Amino acid sequence: DVAVVIQRQVRATRAGVAFSRDPVTGDDDVLIECALGGGEAVVSGLVTPDRYWVGSERVRARAAGAVRTLRDDEARVVAELVRRAEAGFGTPVDVEFCFDKRQLWLVQCRPITTL
């Protein structure tokens, strides 16, 4: 049997990858990497993304350019989506996401393999 998933192509204005745990350190903060445009550039390493660490009390940001790709409230929304995905999977996950202007879309979710 073969499973096929069909989903609408989103015209992403910003996209990235978020990890429910830091894949290098294992820290509990959600790590978000985000850049302008579609997600392929972030996933393939073609661009240097902004990085956000979202904990229970604060958001830390390291912008790659002059303007951040996510506001703190948007980073918190992405982090909440990732935490819900982790709870559903029962294991730490990485999530590919994108924004179509203000709408957040989950594009892919899978277990983190490096922990």
Protein backbone atom coordinates (compact mmCIF):
# COMPACT_ATOMS: atom_id res chain seq x y z
CA ASP A 1 0.00 0.00 0.00
CA VAL A 2 1.07 3.55 -0.69
CA ALA A 3 -0.17 6.58 1.25
CA VAL A 4 -0.55 9.86 -0.59
CA VAL A 5 -1.02 13.26 1.01
CA ILE A 6 -2.29 16.16 -1.05
CA GLN A 7 -2.10 19.63 0.41
CA ARG A 8 -2.55 23.11 -0.90
CA GLN A 9 0.57 25.00 -1.98
CA VAL A 10 1.01 27.94 0.39
CA ARG A 11 2.50 31.19 -0.89
CA ALA A 12 4.88 31.56 2.02
CA THR A 13 6.08 34.99 3.06
CA ARG A 14 8.17 33.48 5.88
CA ALA A 15 9.08 29.89 6.64
CA GLY A 16 11.30 27.73 8.76
CA VAL A 17 11.88 24.78 11.03
CA ALA A 18 11.08 24.56 14.73
CA PHE A 19 12.35 21.96 17.19
CA SER A 20 10.48 21.09 20.38
CA ARG A 21 13.89 20.49 22.00
CA ASP A 22 17.24 21.90 20.92
CA PRO A 23 18.59 19.07 18.70
CA VAL A 24 22.19 19.75 19.77
CA THR A 25 21.89 20.46 23.51
CA GLY A 26 18.53 18.82 24.28
CA ASP A 27 17.39 21.98 26.13
CA ASP A 28 13.63 22.32 26.70
CA ASP A 29 13.32 25.69 24.96
CA VAL A 30 11.69 25.50 21.53
CA LEU A 31 14.27 26.43 18.88
CA ILE A 32 12.88 28.18 15.80
CA GLU A 33 14.81 28.98 12.63
CA CYS A 34 12.96 31.28 10.22
CA ALA A 35 13.70 33.26 7.04
CA LEU A 36 11.78 35.28 4.48
CA GLY A 37 10.21 33.36 1.58
CA GLY A 38 9.71 29.61 1.29
CA GLY A 39 11.13 26.97 3.59
CA GLU A 40 13.43 25.19 1.15
CA ALA A 41 16.21 27.75 1.63
CA VAL A 42 16.16 27.23 5.41
CA VAL A 43 15.93 23.43 5.27
CA SER A 44 18.73 23.13 2.69
CA GLY A 45 21.01 25.62 4.46
CA LEU A 46 21.06 28.13 1.59
CA VAL A 47 20.28 31.06 3.91
CA THR A 48 21.24 32.01 7.43
CA PRO A 49 17.92 32.09 9.29
CA ASP A 50 16.90 34.11 12.30
CA ARG A 51 16.98 31.97 15.45
CA TYR A 52 14.53 32.14 18.33
CA TRP A 53 14.59 30.28 21.62
CA VAL A 54 11.15 30.21 23.25
CA GLY A 55 10.97 29.27 26.90
CA SER A 56 8.10 29.41 29.34
CA GLU A 57 8.85 33.01 30.31
CA ARG A 58 10.68 34.70 27.46
CA VAL A 59 11.71 34.73 23.81
CA ARG A 60 15.38 35.20 22.90
CA ALA A 61 16.09 36.20 19.31
CA ARG A 62 19.16 36.36 17.10
CA ALA A 63 18.29 38.06 13.82
CA ALA A 64 20.39 37.27 10.75
CA GLY A 65 19.52 40.62 9.15
CA ALA A 66 18.42 44.10 10.12
CA VAL A 67 14.76 43.11 10.55
CA ARG A 68 13.47 40.08 12.47
CA THR A 69 11.27 37.62 10.60
CA LEU A 70 9.05 36.89 13.63
CA ARG A 71 7.63 39.05 16.39
CA ASP A 72 7.74 37.58 19.90
CA ASP A 73 4.00 36.79 19.81
CA GLU A 74 4.42 34.93 16.50
CA ALA A 75 7.37 32.96 17.89
CA ARG A 76 5.21 31.97 20.87
CA VAL A 77 2.42 30.77 18.54
CA VAL A 78 4.91 28.63 16.58
CA ALA A 79 6.31 27.26 19.85
CA GLU A 80 2.83 26.35 21.11
CA LEU A 81 2.10 24.49 17.86
CA VAL A 82 5.37 22.58 18.19
CA ARG A 83 4.70 21.68 21.84
CA ARG A 84 1.24 20.40 20.90
CA ALA A 85 2.78 18.31 18.10
CA GLU A 86 5.31 16.87 20.57
CA ALA A 87 2.50 15.94 22.95
CA GLY A 88 0.60 14.26 20.11
CA PHE A 89 3.62 12.32 18.86
CA GLY A 90 4.82 11.48 22.38
CA THR A 91 8.40 12.36 21.44
CA PRO A 92 10.41 15.49 20.58
CA VAL A 93 9.63 16.70 17.05
CA ASP A 94 10.83 19.01 14.33
CA VAL A 95 8.18 20.93 12.46
CA GLU A 96 8.43 22.70 9.13
CA PHE A 97 6.09 25.70 9.07
CA CYS A 98 5.30 28.75 7.01
CA PHE A 99 3.29 31.93 7.19
CA ASP A 100 1.05 33.12 4.37
CA LYS A 101 1.04 36.75 5.50
CA ARG A 102 -0.41 36.26 9.03
CA GLN A 103 -1.75 32.66 8.75
CA LEU A 104 0.51 29.97 10.26
CA TRP A 105 0.66 26.62 8.44
CA LEU A 106 2.23 23.39 9.66
CA VAL A 107 3.83 21.79 6.61
CA GLN A 108 5.58 18.74 8.05
CA CYS A 109 6.16 17.14 11.44
CA ARG A 110 8.49 14.30 12.33
CA PRO A 111 10.45 12.98 15.33
CA ILE A 112 13.83 14.57 16.02
CA THR A 113 16.39 11.93 15.11
CA THR A 114 19.47 13.49 16.75
CA LEU A 115 18.37 13.22 20.41
